[in-house]
Structures are given as structure tokens and as C-alpha cells.
Amino acid sequence: MNGRLTGAGEQPLHVVPAPRVPQSLRTSSPAPAAAGVPGPGHDQRRAPLAEAVERYRRRSTVSFHCPAHRGGRAADHVLRGLVGQEMLTADVWLDPAEQHRVRREAEDLAAALWGADRAFFLGNGSSGGNHAFLLATLRPGDEVVVARDAHVSTLMALVMTGARPVWITPDLHPTLDTGLGISPAALAATLEEHPRARLVVLVSPAYSGVCSDVSALADVAHAAGVPLFVDEAWGPHLPFHAWLPTDALAAGADAVVTSTHKLAGSLSQSALLLVRGDRLDVEAVATAVRMTASTSPLLPLLASIDTCRRRLALEGHALLDRALAGAGRLRERLARVPGVVLVGPGDLGLRPTLVDPLKVVLDVTALGRTGVEVDRLLRERCAVAVEGSDLRRLYLVVSPQDDDAGLDRLAAGLEGLRLRGAPAVRGPGSAAAMLRPRERAVSPRIAWFARSETVPLRAAVGRVAAELATPYPPGIPVLVPGEVVDAAQVAYLESVVSAGGHVHGAADASLATLRVMTA
């Protein structure tokens, strides 16, 4: 829903869909969006939840409710210095009836903007949205088709529900070790083999910015009578500019979770769950959201979703113009850095419309260093922090606020890393290690709650994993409870740990040992 605002006099302004720019025109400046009125009552200039918090502050209310820091008066001075007095005075508790009313008003504005029937504000990230949605739509024993590059939170939702995953593997580039999205043909074959599947769960965009052809995948799922849920955590900005890949709801998905904090400007940990009701029980989703969320929400966190929605409605196109221009300058500058290789749509054999240009991916293996090492050196030597890294790559996110001074510091930091012999990465690639199908012995839930023992990591080969091992980033589990551990997984995890990477989920963070099901 690319859009700008139109109106006259004192009439509310409304966001409207805009035609996407044909690929043949994408070398020029974007055309203005079309104008119109989608429906009454959606004044996108308002921020009802944020306004309610501000009204509370203006009253100078004497509080006898939580939180006990009392607007910061009882807060530790270090906390006050970190978050500021304004944040502490905004951390208030509204009357429950008022909070419900203004939150629903704000969520309805978000639903109208993103093109959903219902929107739900999440204070526990897209992870919480994955948990709530799967709890609302799946029962123990149900089959669910799940992309193998699903986030760890999706895996935990499978543990919670007791559903049985039918993994579908993204295509892989033969040399660049990068997932290329789920193919419609693979989904069609999977659904034909599993006619009892209740749901399809995909990730798009992936951590690399690569998008699947969600429109074609939605057609396949719907032809089989199955709803499509897309983890679009990395795509909250996609509806607001014609040069970006088509967002999942516009492409036909039935529900989407998206992290507004990633590229839309809200506070960390905030997200949106967006649902259409044709194939789903929206009220069941609403109940699951309430039951999995805190009953003591941090209102400034939720209000940040409200204000970022308003800013996207009023300024989204212009903000993304700025970010896209910055991404172009960044690529031009980094293309001149020796030993650094930009990985773009052409390298992957993909249409530009299937890759988010605001995610910049650099292969640094020609520097003779791992991506994890380059990430650490940039932080320590140059005070430059990238979004993430793995054994081969750095991942950068471009925002409208990134300036040329920061770009120059990043480029200079990379130029200061001398070439150091042969490429550092050998052995199993990250994508192949994470995404290749494995033998499953039992469901994730059965393995999670089964009796287990702790063994040395290499001794786990051939045993059934009882816990997760998830290199972070990108948050895709390498070891899944219920699957048989193989030597390639162990070799890859050892290389991540030896390179200084972080592995999330295992009880032994060093991965010297692993929990496996008791034989």
C-alpha cells in the first residue's frame, strides 16, 4: 500500500494504495503515489495511544499504581541517565478501560494502513506474534508446512502447540551459500504430499533481504485450501515505496507478523500482527495475543508503534526515498573497497523486485577473515556496528537517518583491514548447514519434554537433539529438537563457536556439550 495523503480544508487525510513502479522505470526517481480515500474514520494524523499517555502526563497525576519508580523519582540514577526522565514519566498505567479503547483505536489505524482486517500491537516482538498466531491456528498433532529458514520463535511455537512441522527448504545458490526463497513448485509438491496440512508458514524477507514470490506462493496455498502466514519481521517498510518488494499482505498472505522496530522506527521489541479473516478465526488470534502478552505493558513501547505508523502514513514515501538514496551511495562506496564483495540480486540470479535494497550484504571472505571477526574489529577499532555477521558475511541495514560521515567511517574501517592470505571460511557453508533437511525421529514438542542427557557435542552425532542450537544472527535453528544430529551440523556449529560467533538456545552456551534424548 504505497501511498501519500490528500484532502481539503479540515477534512481528515487518508492513506491510499499507489501503483507500483514497473521495473523498467526503476532507474529514475519514483513517481508520486496515487490519491483517493479508502474509507471513513481512518485519520492517519492521529496517534490515539500516544495521545492518551501524553494526556496522563499533562494532568500531573498523583500515582498509587505500578510501576513503583513513580515517574522516575524512585529510579536508579544510572537508569535515569540511560533512558531519560521523559521516558520514565511516560511509563504510566492507564485505566484499563481507557487503555483498551485507545489501543484498539490505534490498532484499527494500523490495520487500515497496512490493509488488514485486524492489527495487534506486540510488545514482545515478532517472536510473540509467531507464538500467538500458531497457538491460535494449530492443535497438537496438526501438520504445518514450515520454511526451514524459520526463526527460532517459530520453532518454539511448534513446541508450544504440539504441531508437527513439514519442512520445506528454500532454494540455495550453488556458490554463494545464500537462500533464494521458497519456490511455488516446491510448495505445491509439499502440499500434495501432505493434504492434511493446516497452515503454511514462510519467512520473507529472509535475513539477507531475499524475498520469496509470496503472490505465487499464496495462490498455491489457497488452491490447496490452506491459509498462508508470513513472518515478515524484516519488512515493515515494504508497503510504503514502489521500489521495494511487494509486501506479503498485498501479495495475498492471510496473516503477517512484522517488526516495526527494524526498519519503521519504533522502539526495540515492538511489532505488529496483521490478520485477514477470510480463512482465519480473527477472534481466536485476538485471544491468543492477549494470553501470550504481558498484562503490564510498557506503554511507551506500544505508543512507539502508534507514532511510527503515523509517520509512515504521513512521510513514509519521502523517508524511504532518502534511505534508498543512502543505500545507493553506500553500495557505490563499498564497491571500491578491496576484498569486500557486494552480494546483490544479479549475483543471486534474482529479479531486483525480490531483494530489499535497504539490506546490504557484504562477503568478506577475500579479506582472509570471517564475517564475525570483521564485525568485532569494526566495533572495537572504529566504533562501527553492523546489523549482524556470520562466517562469510556482514549484514547492514540502511535507514533514512544514515549519513555520509557514517558511511565513510564504515568504508575506512573496512579498508583498514589488511588482506590476510587465503579465505578464512572452509568446510560447510552456513545456509547448507542450517537449511538441509534432516531425519526427524519425533516432534519438537516430544523431544523438548522428553528425558534427556548431556553428552559432548561430537558424541551427539546420530542422537536425537533435545534442545536448540541457533547461531544468532540470523536466528535460524541448526539443531532442532526431535531431529537426528549429523556431522555437518556439528562441524558448522564448531566453526561458528571457534570464530567467536554466538549460539542461542543451548543450555551450554560454549557448545562443548549438547542435550540429547535418552536412548
Foldseek 3Di string as FASTA:
>chain_A
DAFAWDDDDPDATATDAFDFDDPVPVVDDDDHGDDDHPDPDQRLLDQLLVVVLVVVLVVVDDDPDDDPCRLVVNPDVVVCVVPHSVLSSSQDDDDVVSNVVSQQSLQVNVCRNVVFPTKHKFQQAVLLVLLLVLQLFAAAAAEEEEELQDFVSNLVSCLVRNYFYDYQYADAQPPPLDGQFGDLVSLLVSCVVPLRHAAYEEEPPALQQFGHQLLSNLVSQVVSVHAYEYADQVDPLQSHESLEAHDNVVSRHAKYKYNCVNAQPADPSIIMIGGHDPSGDVVSSVVSSVVSGDPSDRSSRSSSVSVSSSCCHHPSHVFVSLQLVVLVVLVVLQVPAPQKDWDACVNRVHDSSRGGSQKTKIFRQQLQFFQLVLQVQCCVPQVQHAPDGFRTITIHGTGSPDDVVNSVSVSVSSNPRHRDDGGNDDADRPSCLSRPDFAFQGGLNCLCPADKDKDFLVVQAQFFASKFWAFPVVRRTSHGGRTHDHPSNSVRVVVCLVSVTFIPIAPPRSSRMGITHDD
